[in-house]
Amino acid sequence: MDNVLAKIKEASAYIESKLSAKPQIGLILGSGLGVMADEVENPVVIPYGDIPHFPVSTVEGHSGELVIGDLEGKKVLVMKGRFHYYEGYSMKEVVFPVYVMKALGIGTLLVTNAAGGMNRNFAAGDLMLITDHINNTGSNPLIGGNIAELGPRFPDMSQAYNRELRAIVSAQAEELGVKLQQGVYVGISGPTYCTPAELTMMARWGADAVGMSTVPEVTAANYCGVKTVGITCITDMAIGDELEPLTHEQVVKVANETRPKFISLVKASVRAFTV
């Protein structure tokens, strides 16, 4: 456990050595959304491979670098590409960057992802504000001995997605005229897409969208006291009895098409966040 703390300290110290000011807000960008990092002004770009103990992203559409600089008047740290359980990383490795963000002084985290829509009122290309999540990955990043310096043994998850931050994102969407759905995100391990029976089951649980990320990072953020909000790009409809074949290329294509309104909403939200 002490080894984990040492690794966090080494990684955060390396990043901090490259910066003139500490970041205030963290952003984790999902499939096809990494280009938003190009909006960051005065950027310091650090490849994941240069950071001590950082994993390296292996998924198409995930570039694998930190971009740190100014966005809408705030100091931000952007993860241009994230890590996934299905890549073979442990859950603890997947969430390691969240602990590094906390060590750097970040207190607000905005996560984005691409997901399949299970709510029949949704359509491909919609954006969804995540109100809550269901962990159907089969694991949890906090399994094992607790590290008291990071957080409590049994963390509260009643506001996994912070209400105040959600209200800010909703208000910005309304002001921009961006249609924003709201719903529950269910996280699965992947890498396979779901069977029709699995989708039907999870829809009956009350899930509105399904994806292969986000749940671990949000769990870790709540554990270590980072306020979190999440926005999903609905890239396809995942209705059990209407399921069509799906490829990752299709997911990225829709994410790319949705990018302009997604970027506008994220930037407006960052501008409105208080830090």
Protein backbone atom coordinates (compact mmCIF):
# COMPACT_ATOMS: atom_id res chain seq x y z
CA MET A 1 0.00 0.00 0.00
CA ASP A 2 2.90 2.33 0.78
CA ASN A 3 4.18 1.45 -2.70
CA VAL A 4 0.98 2.87 -4.25
CA LEU A 5 1.42 6.15 -2.38
CA ALA A 6 5.05 6.32 -3.50
CA LYS A 7 4.03 5.76 -7.13
CA ILE A 8 1.37 8.48 -6.90
CA LYS A 9 3.95 10.85 -5.42
CA GLU A 10 6.50 10.09 -8.15
CA ALA A 11 4.00 10.53 -10.97
CA SER A 12 2.54 13.77 -9.59
CA ALA A 13 6.02 15.18 -8.88
CA TYR A 14 7.10 14.50 -12.46
CA ILE A 15 4.01 16.24 -13.88
CA GLU A 16 4.35 19.15 -11.46
CA SER A 17 7.96 19.65 -12.53
CA LYS A 18 6.69 20.51 -16.03
CA LEU A 19 4.15 23.10 -14.86
CA SER A 20 4.22 26.73 -13.83
CA ALA A 21 0.77 26.56 -12.16
CA LYS A 22 -1.29 23.78 -10.60
CA PRO A 23 -4.36 22.51 -12.49
CA GLN A 24 -7.79 23.04 -10.90
CA ILE A 25 -10.08 20.86 -13.04
CA GLY A 26 -9.50 17.42 -14.50
CA LEU A 27 -11.08 16.19 -17.73
CA ILE A 28 -11.09 12.60 -18.97
CA LEU A 29 -11.94 12.41 -22.68
CA GLY A 30 -13.54 9.32 -24.21
CA SER A 31 -13.62 7.76 -27.69
CA GLY A 32 -13.32 10.29 -30.52
CA LEU A 33 -13.32 13.25 -28.13
CA GLY A 34 -9.59 13.70 -27.59
CA VAL A 35 -9.48 16.54 -30.13
CA MET A 36 -11.05 18.76 -27.49
CA ALA A 37 -7.62 18.92 -25.90
CA ASP A 38 -6.65 21.09 -28.88
CA GLU A 39 -8.83 23.81 -27.34
CA VAL A 40 -6.44 24.12 -24.37
CA GLU A 41 -4.32 27.28 -24.50
CA ASN A 42 -0.66 27.47 -23.44
CA PRO A 43 -0.55 23.67 -23.38
CA VAL A 44 2.04 21.48 -21.74
CA VAL A 45 1.81 18.07 -23.41
CA ILE A 46 3.14 15.00 -21.59
CA PRO A 47 2.92 11.54 -23.21
CA TYR A 48 1.64 8.90 -20.80
CA GLY A 49 4.76 6.86 -21.49
CA ASP A 50 6.93 9.60 -19.96
CA ILE A 51 5.06 9.67 -16.64
CA PRO A 52 6.35 7.28 -13.96
CA HIS A 53 3.98 4.33 -13.36
CA PHE A 54 1.34 5.58 -15.85
CA PRO A 55 -0.29 2.94 -18.06
CA VAL A 56 -0.37 3.50 -21.83
CA SER A 57 -3.66 3.67 -23.77
CA THR A 58 -4.02 0.99 -26.47
CA VAL A 59 -7.42 1.87 -27.95
CA GLU A 60 -8.05 3.55 -31.30
CA GLY A 61 -9.35 7.08 -30.68
CA HIS A 62 -7.41 7.42 -27.40
CA SER A 63 -4.18 9.35 -28.04
CA GLY A 64 -2.44 8.76 -24.72
CA GLU A 65 -1.19 12.07 -23.40
CA LEU A 66 -1.86 14.68 -20.75
CA VAL A 67 -2.57 18.20 -21.95
CA ILE A 68 -2.30 20.80 -19.20
CA GLY A 69 -3.06 24.48 -19.66
CA ASP A 70 -5.82 27.09 -19.80
CA LEU A 71 -9.42 26.46 -20.83
CA GLU A 72 -12.15 29.07 -20.40
CA GLY A 73 -10.17 30.87 -17.72
CA LYS A 74 -9.44 27.74 -15.67
CA LYS A 75 -6.30 25.68 -15.24
CA VAL A 76 -7.14 22.22 -16.57
CA LEU A 77 -5.51 18.82 -16.84
CA VAL A 78 -6.91 16.86 -19.77
CA MET A 79 -6.50 13.12 -20.18
CA LYS A 80 -6.48 12.67 -23.95
CA GLY A 81 -7.41 9.01 -23.85
CA ARG A 82 -8.17 6.82 -20.85
CA PHE A 83 -7.44 3.30 -19.67
CA HIS A 84 -9.91 0.42 -19.63
CA TYR A 85 -10.26 -2.77 -17.63
CA TYR A 86 -10.66 -4.74 -20.88
CA GLU A 87 -7.17 -3.70 -22.03
CA GLY A 88 -5.79 -6.03 -19.38
CA TYR A 89 -5.05 -3.40 -16.77
CA SER A 90 -6.12 -4.00 -13.20
CA MET A 91 -8.83 -1.75 -11.83
CA LYS A 92 -6.20 -0.10 -9.65
CA GLU A 93 -4.14 0.75 -12.74
CA VAL A 94 -7.22 2.12 -14.52
CA VAL A 95 -7.86 4.64 -11.72
CA PHE A 96 -4.24 5.52 -10.95
CA PRO A 97 -4.47 8.83 -12.89
CA VAL A 98 -7.40 9.93 -10.70
CA TYR A 99 -5.23 9.65 -7.60
CA VAL A 100 -2.48 11.58 -9.37
CA MET A 101 -4.98 14.34 -10.21
CA LYS A 102 -5.96 14.51 -6.55
CA ALA A 103 -2.29 14.73 -5.54
CA LEU A 104 -1.85 17.64 -7.97
CA GLY A 105 -4.65 19.53 -6.19
CA ILE A 106 -7.54 18.90 -8.59
CA GLY A 107 -10.90 19.00 -6.80
CA THR A 108 -13.30 18.81 -9.77
CA LEU A 109 -13.41 16.11 -12.43
CA LEU A 110 -15.46 16.03 -15.65
CA VAL A 111 -15.55 12.66 -17.40
CA THR A 112 -16.85 12.00 -20.90
CA ASN A 113 -17.54 8.77 -22.71
CA ALA A 114 -19.22 7.17 -25.69
CA ALA A 115 -22.00 4.70 -24.91
CA GLY A 116 -24.92 2.78 -26.32
CA GLY A 117 -28.36 4.18 -25.59
CA MET A 118 -30.87 1.82 -23.96
CA ASN A 119 -33.59 4.39 -23.33
CA ARG A 120 -36.05 4.29 -26.24
CA ASN A 121 -36.47 8.07 -25.99
CA PHE A 122 -32.79 8.55 -26.91
CA ALA A 123 -31.22 8.69 -30.37
CA ALA A 124 -27.68 8.26 -31.68
CA GLY A 125 -25.93 11.63 -31.41
CA ASP A 126 -27.68 12.65 -28.19
CA LEU A 127 -25.72 13.86 -25.19
CA MET A 128 -26.67 12.47 -21.77
CA LEU A 129 -25.88 13.94 -18.38
CA ILE A 130 -25.07 11.00 -16.10
CA THR A 131 -27.24 11.11 -12.98
CA ASP A 132 -25.97 7.85 -11.47
CA HIS A 133 -24.30 4.61 -12.44
CA ILE A 134 -24.57 0.85 -12.03
CA ASN A 135 -21.33 -1.10 -11.66
CA ASN A 136 -21.72 -4.23 -13.78
CA THR A 137 -18.01 -4.69 -14.46
CA GLY A 138 -17.62 -7.53 -12.00
CA SER A 139 -14.94 -5.67 -10.06
CA ASN A 140 -14.19 -2.52 -8.06
CA PRO A 141 -10.99 -0.44 -7.93
CA LEU A 142 -11.17 -0.28 -4.13
CA ILE A 143 -10.98 -4.03 -3.54
CA GLY A 144 -8.00 -4.89 -1.34
CA GLY A 145 -6.40 -3.21 1.64
CA ASN A 146 -7.59 0.35 2.21
CA ILE A 147 -5.17 3.27 1.93
CA ALA A 148 -6.39 5.68 4.59
CA GLU A 149 -4.32 8.52 3.11
CA LEU A 150 -6.49 8.34 -0.01
CA GLY A 151 -9.93 7.75 1.45
CA PRO A 152 -12.22 5.79 3.80
CA ARG A 153 -12.69 2.03 3.79
CA PHE A 154 -16.37 2.38 2.87
CA PRO A 155 -16.83 5.50 0.71
CA ASP A 156 -20.23 7.10 0.28
CA MET A 157 -21.61 7.00 -3.28
CA SER A 158 -24.92 8.83 -2.75
CA GLN A 159 -23.65 11.69 -4.91
CA ALA A 160 -21.35 9.81 -7.23
CA TYR A 161 -22.20 12.50 -9.79
CA ASN A 162 -22.26 15.77 -7.88
CA ARG A 163 -25.66 17.51 -7.91
CA GLU A 164 -24.22 21.03 -8.03
CA LEU A 165 -22.00 20.21 -11.00
CA ARG A 166 -24.89 18.48 -12.77
CA ALA A 167 -27.03 21.60 -12.29
CA ILE A 168 -24.28 23.73 -13.83
CA VAL A 169 -23.96 21.45 -16.88
CA SER A 170 -27.75 21.40 -17.33
CA ALA A 171 -27.93 25.19 -17.15
CA GLN A 172 -25.14 25.57 -19.72
CA ALA A 173 -26.84 23.13 -22.09
CA GLU A 174 -30.07 25.09 -21.87
CA GLU A 175 -28.25 28.36 -22.51
CA LEU A 176 -26.48 26.88 -25.55
CA GLY A 177 -29.64 25.29 -26.88
CA VAL A 178 -28.04 21.84 -26.68
CA LYS A 179 -30.50 19.01 -26.06
CA LEU A 180 -29.27 17.15 -22.99
CA GLN A 181 -30.78 13.85 -21.97
CA GLN A 182 -30.34 12.60 -18.42
CA GLY A 183 -29.96 9.06 -17.23
CA VAL A 184 -28.19 6.19 -15.50
CA TYR A 185 -24.98 4.79 -17.01
CA VAL A 186 -24.19 1.09 -16.56
CA GLY A 187 -20.55 0.09 -16.80
CA ILE A 188 -19.54 -3.30 -18.19
CA SER A 189 -16.08 -4.84 -18.48
CA GLY A 190 -16.05 -5.31 -22.27
CA PRO A 191 -14.43 -5.75 -24.70
CA THR A 192 -17.41 -7.48 -26.28
CA TYR A 193 -20.54 -5.50 -26.96
CA CYS A 194 -23.59 -6.81 -25.13
CA THR A 195 -25.92 -9.58 -26.20
CA PRO A 196 -29.62 -8.72 -26.66
CA ALA A 197 -30.47 -10.58 -23.43
CA GLU A 198 -27.84 -8.62 -21.47
CA LEU A 199 -29.17 -5.32 -22.78
CA THR A 200 -32.75 -6.26 -21.92
CA MET A 201 -31.66 -7.23 -18.40
CA MET A 202 -29.79 -3.97 -17.78
CA ALA A 203 -32.60 -1.86 -19.19
CA ARG A 204 -34.92 -3.52 -16.68
CA TRP A 205 -32.50 -2.51 -13.94
CA GLY A 206 -33.12 1.11 -14.89
CA ALA A 207 -30.02 1.80 -17.00
CA ASP A 208 -30.30 4.33 -19.84
CA ALA A 209 -26.85 3.90 -21.43
CA VAL A 210 -24.15 1.23 -21.42
CA GLY A 211 -20.39 1.58 -21.81
CA MET A 212 -17.00 0.16 -20.89
CA SER A 213 -15.47 2.99 -18.85
CA THR A 214 -16.19 5.77 -16.34
CA VAL A 215 -17.46 3.68 -13.41
CA PRO A 216 -13.95 2.89 -12.07
CA GLU A 217 -12.72 6.50 -12.36
CA VAL A 218 -15.85 7.94 -10.76
CA THR A 219 -15.64 5.41 -7.93
CA ALA A 220 -12.01 6.37 -7.25
CA ALA A 221 -12.79 10.09 -7.48
CA ASN A 222 -15.53 9.82 -4.88
CA TYR A 223 -13.24 7.74 -2.69
CA CYS A 224 -10.52 10.41 -2.63
CA GLY A 225 -12.87 13.40 -2.37
CA VAL A 226 -12.91 14.75 -5.94
CA LYS A 227 -16.29 16.14 -7.06
CA THR A 228 -17.30 14.52 -10.33
CA VAL A 229 -19.73 15.04 -13.21
CA GLY A 230 -20.13 12.96 -16.36
CA ILE A 231 -21.46 13.47 -19.89
CA THR A 232 -22.11 10.64 -22.35
CA CYS A 233 -22.28 10.75 -26.12
CA ILE A 234 -24.92 8.26 -27.26
CA THR A 235 -23.23 6.75 -30.30
CA ASP A 236 -25.67 3.96 -31.08
CA MET A 237 -28.94 2.50 -29.84
CA ALA A 238 -28.52 -0.66 -27.78
CA ILE A 239 -32.10 -1.93 -27.52
CA GLY A 240 -32.16 -5.64 -26.77
CA ASP A 241 -34.94 -6.68 -29.14
CA GLU A 242 -33.81 -4.31 -31.91
CA LEU A 243 -30.05 -4.87 -31.76
CA GLU A 244 -27.99 -4.41 -34.93
CA PRO A 245 -24.32 -5.39 -35.43
CA LEU A 246 -21.91 -2.69 -34.15
CA THR A 247 -18.23 -1.83 -34.65
CA HIS A 248 -15.86 0.49 -32.79
CA GLU A 249 -15.43 2.48 -36.01
CA GLN A 250 -19.17 3.27 -35.99
CA VAL A 251 -18.90 4.45 -32.38
CA VAL A 252 -15.99 6.77 -33.18
CA LYS A 253 -17.76 8.08 -36.31
CA VAL A 254 -20.83 9.22 -34.35
CA ALA A 255 -18.66 10.61 -31.55
CA ASN A 256 -16.79 12.67 -34.14
CA GLU A 257 -20.03 13.98 -35.65
CA THR A 258 -21.30 14.99 -32.21
CA ARG A 259 -18.04 16.67 -31.26
CA PRO A 260 -18.91 20.35 -31.95
CA LYS A 261 -21.86 20.50 -29.53
CA PHE A 262 -20.03 18.29 -27.03
CA ILE A 263 -17.02 20.60 -27.03
CA SER A 264 -19.24 23.67 -26.67
CA LEU A 265 -21.00 22.16 -23.66
CA VAL A 266 -17.79 21.04 -21.94
CA LYS A 267 -16.15 24.43 -22.43
CA ALA A 268 -19.20 26.30 -21.15
CA SER A 269 -19.38 24.01 -18.12
CA VAL A 270 -15.69 24.47 -17.30
CA ARG A 271 -16.17 28.23 -17.54
CA ALA A 272 -19.09 28.06 -15.10
CA PHE A 273 -17.47 25.72 -12.55
CA THR A 274 -16.27 27.33 -9.34
CA VAL A 275 -12.92 26.04 -8.10
